[in-house]
Amino acid sequence: MGWSDIVRRRFRRIEPPAEGVAAGLVEAIVESADKLLLRLEEEGFAWTDPDRAGADECLLECAMFEWFLRDIMMSDGSDGRTEAVRRSLGGRLVIDLLRSGLSAASLRDFDRRQRERFQEYTEGFAVSSSLQPLGALAWRRISGRDQPSERMTMLLAVRATAELARYRNLS
C-alpha cells in the first residue's frame, strides 16, 4: 500500500444525505419561483390580472414549473439517491411553501397535482426541442387561462432552456 492509496482512502468524496440535497433543491425552487413571479410582474401580468398574479395558485404553479425543471436535471443523473431525493423533496416543498405564506387549503391534493403537472410537462417537453410547448402548458397553468400567450410562452420556454443549460453546465 502506497501513500497515494492512503490519501485516496482518507479523502474520499463525501456524499450529502438525500434530505440535505432535497433541502437545497427546495430552496432553489422557491427562490426561482419568486424570481419567475417578479419577471411575470415586470411583463405586466400583475397589471392585466392582479387577482390571479397575487393568488396562492399562481405561486404554487410557478413552484411546480420550477420543480419540474430540476426534476428533469435529476433524471439525467445516474445517482442512486435520485429517488430518495424525490421522495423527500415534495414534503419539504410543502413545508417551505406554508412558511412562505401559502394557505393550507391551496396545498390540498398537492401530490395529485404534482403528478398531473409533471405528466403534462413531460409530454410538452418531449414534443419539441424548442420548449415552446412546455412554455405554453406552464403559462396556461400559471395564468389559469385556457389560451396561451405567445409572449409569455416564449418567456417561459427561454427560461426553461436557460435553467436546463445552467444545470447541465454545473453537472
Protein backbone atom coordinates (compact mmCIF):
# COMPACT_ATOMS: atom_id res chain seq x y z
CA MET A 1 0.00 0.00 0.00
CA GLY A 2 1.47 3.33 -1.10
CA TRP A 3 0.90 6.86 0.09
CA SER A 4 -1.46 7.57 -2.79
CA ASP A 5 -3.75 4.74 -1.63
CA ILE A 6 -3.86 6.16 1.88
CA VAL A 7 -4.56 9.69 0.65
CA ARG A 8 -7.27 8.48 -1.72
CA ARG A 9 -8.94 6.46 1.00
CA ARG A 10 -8.69 9.28 3.51
CA PHE A 11 -10.14 11.93 1.22
CA ARG A 12 -12.98 10.01 -0.35
CA ARG A 13 -15.75 12.11 -1.69
CA ILE A 14 -18.35 12.67 0.99
CA GLU A 15 -21.88 12.41 -0.32
CA PRO A 16 -24.50 14.60 1.35
CA PRO A 17 -27.63 12.77 2.52
CA ALA A 18 -30.70 12.82 0.26
CA GLU A 19 -32.54 15.06 2.75
CA GLY A 20 -29.77 17.65 2.51
CA VAL A 21 -29.86 17.59 -1.28
CA ALA A 22 -33.66 17.93 -1.20
CA ALA A 23 -33.44 20.89 1.20
CA GLY A 24 -31.04 22.65 -1.17
CA LEU A 25 -33.27 21.94 -4.14
CA VAL A 26 -36.35 23.23 -2.33
CA GLU A 27 -34.54 26.46 -1.53
CA ALA A 28 -33.58 26.82 -5.21
CA ILE A 29 -37.14 26.02 -6.36
CA VAL A 30 -38.78 28.59 -4.08
CA GLU A 31 -36.19 31.23 -4.94
CA SER A 32 -36.65 30.58 -8.67
CA ALA A 33 -40.44 30.65 -8.34
CA ASP A 34 -40.19 34.05 -6.64
CA LYS A 35 -37.92 35.32 -9.44
CA LEU A 36 -40.34 33.98 -12.02
CA LEU A 37 -43.21 35.81 -10.34
CA LEU A 38 -41.19 39.04 -10.39
CA ARG A 39 -40.40 38.53 -14.07
CA LEU A 40 -44.08 37.94 -14.85
CA GLU A 41 -44.90 41.10 -12.92
CA GLU A 42 -42.36 43.03 -15.00
CA GLU A 43 -44.06 41.69 -18.11
CA GLY A 44 -47.39 43.14 -16.94
CA PHE A 45 -49.14 40.04 -15.61
CA ALA A 46 -49.84 41.69 -12.25
CA TRP A 47 -51.38 44.63 -14.08
CA THR A 48 -53.52 42.61 -16.51
CA ASP A 49 -54.71 40.02 -13.96
CA PRO A 50 -53.95 41.25 -10.42
CA ASP A 51 -56.26 38.70 -8.76
CA ARG A 52 -54.52 35.72 -10.33
CA ALA A 53 -51.00 37.19 -10.00
CA GLY A 54 -51.49 37.63 -6.25
CA ALA A 55 -53.18 34.28 -5.68
CA ASP A 56 -51.65 31.27 -3.96
CA GLU A 57 -52.43 29.23 -7.08
CA CYS A 58 -50.10 31.36 -9.17
CA LEU A 59 -47.14 30.91 -6.79
CA LEU A 60 -47.89 27.21 -6.48
CA GLU A 61 -47.95 26.75 -10.26
CA CYS A 62 -44.68 28.69 -10.60
CA ALA A 63 -43.13 26.40 -7.98
CA MET A 64 -44.41 23.30 -9.81
CA PHE A 65 -42.83 24.53 -13.05
CA GLU A 66 -39.51 25.26 -11.37
CA TRP A 67 -39.65 21.88 -9.59
CA PHE A 68 -40.24 20.14 -12.91
CA LEU A 69 -37.13 21.75 -14.41
CA ARG A 70 -34.99 20.50 -11.52
CA ASP A 71 -36.59 17.07 -11.76
CA ILE A 72 -35.56 16.89 -15.42
CA MET A 73 -31.98 17.51 -14.37
CA MET A 74 -32.18 14.85 -11.66
CA SER A 75 -33.40 12.42 -14.32
CA ASP A 76 -30.20 12.96 -16.28
CA GLY A 77 -28.08 11.80 -13.37
CA SER A 78 -27.38 8.17 -12.65
CA ASP A 79 -27.06 8.76 -8.93
CA GLY A 80 -28.71 6.02 -6.89
CA ARG A 81 -30.06 8.59 -4.45
CA THR A 82 -32.31 10.30 -7.00
CA GLU A 83 -35.48 8.53 -5.84
CA ALA A 84 -34.70 9.24 -2.20
CA VAL A 85 -34.24 12.93 -3.05
CA ARG A 86 -37.52 12.96 -4.98
CA ARG A 87 -39.42 11.41 -2.06
CA SER A 88 -38.03 13.96 0.36
CA LEU A 89 -38.47 16.93 -1.94
CA GLY A 90 -42.28 17.08 -2.08
CA GLY A 91 -42.75 17.15 1.67
CA ARG A 92 -40.03 19.74 2.14
CA LEU A 93 -41.54 21.92 -0.59
CA VAL A 94 -44.96 21.85 1.09
CA ILE A 95 -43.40 22.93 4.38
CA ASP A 96 -41.45 25.72 2.72
CA LEU A 97 -44.50 26.98 0.81
CA LEU A 98 -46.52 27.05 4.02
CA ARG A 99 -43.74 29.01 5.71
CA SER A 100 -43.73 31.48 2.82
CA GLY A 101 -47.40 32.26 3.44
CA LEU A 102 -49.38 29.92 1.19
CA SER A 103 -52.61 28.77 2.75
CA ALA A 104 -53.02 25.11 3.69
CA ALA A 105 -56.18 25.00 1.57
CA SER A 106 -54.21 25.84 -1.59
CA LEU A 107 -51.95 22.83 -0.96
CA ARG A 108 -54.83 20.36 -0.84
CA ASP A 109 -54.23 17.48 -3.29
CA PHE A 110 -50.61 18.58 -3.66
CA ASP A 111 -49.33 15.10 -4.59
CA ARG A 112 -52.03 14.55 -7.21
CA ARG A 113 -51.42 17.99 -8.71
CA GLN A 114 -47.68 17.39 -8.83
CA ARG A 115 -48.15 14.08 -10.67
CA GLU A 116 -50.57 15.66 -13.15
CA ARG A 117 -48.31 18.66 -13.83
CA PHE A 118 -45.23 16.53 -14.27
CA GLN A 119 -47.10 14.26 -16.68
CA GLU A 120 -48.33 17.27 -18.69
CA TYR A 121 -44.95 18.97 -18.63
CA THR A 122 -43.14 15.77 -19.61
CA GLU A 123 -45.38 15.46 -22.66
CA GLY A 124 -44.76 19.12 -23.53
CA PHE A 125 -41.04 18.70 -23.00
CA ALA A 126 -40.92 15.71 -25.35
CA VAL A 127 -42.84 17.38 -28.20
CA SER A 128 -40.16 19.78 -29.40
CA SER A 129 -36.59 20.80 -28.70
CA SER A 130 -37.67 24.47 -28.63
CA LEU A 131 -39.56 24.02 -25.32
CA GLN A 132 -42.38 26.23 -26.62
CA PRO A 133 -45.00 23.53 -25.95
CA LEU A 134 -43.70 23.29 -22.38
CA GLY A 135 -43.82 27.08 -22.05
CA ALA A 136 -47.40 27.15 -23.35
CA LEU A 137 -48.52 24.47 -20.87
CA ALA A 138 -46.78 26.21 -17.99
CA TRP A 139 -48.28 29.58 -18.90
CA ARG A 140 -51.79 28.12 -19.08
CA ARG A 141 -51.35 26.68 -15.58
CA ILE A 142 -49.69 29.77 -14.10
CA SER A 143 -52.19 32.21 -15.62
CA GLY A 144 -55.24 29.98 -15.12
CA ARG A 145 -56.30 30.72 -18.70
CA ASP A 146 -57.16 28.29 -21.48
CA GLN A 147 -55.35 30.19 -24.20
CA PRO A 148 -51.58 30.60 -24.19
CA SER A 149 -49.94 33.97 -24.66
CA GLU A 150 -47.21 33.93 -27.29
CA ARG A 151 -45.07 36.40 -25.34
CA MET A 152 -45.41 34.54 -22.04
CA THR A 153 -44.95 31.17 -23.75
CA MET A 154 -41.65 32.40 -25.16
CA LEU A 155 -40.62 33.85 -21.81
CA LEU A 156 -41.20 30.50 -20.08
CA ALA A 157 -39.58 28.49 -22.90
CA VAL A 158 -36.48 30.69 -22.82
CA ARG A 159 -36.39 30.46 -19.03
CA ALA A 160 -36.63 26.67 -19.16
CA THR A 161 -33.89 26.48 -21.79
CA ALA A 162 -31.60 28.71 -19.72
CA GLU A 163 -32.26 26.83 -16.47
CA LEU A 164 -31.64 23.45 -18.07
CA ALA A 165 -28.45 24.70 -19.71
CA ARG A 166 -27.25 26.17 -16.43
CA TYR A 167 -27.79 22.91 -14.57
CA ARG A 168 -26.16 20.86 -17.33
CA ASN A 169 -23.10 23.09 -17.05
CA LEU A 170 -22.98 22.53 -13.29
CA SER A 171 -23.08 18.76 -13.65
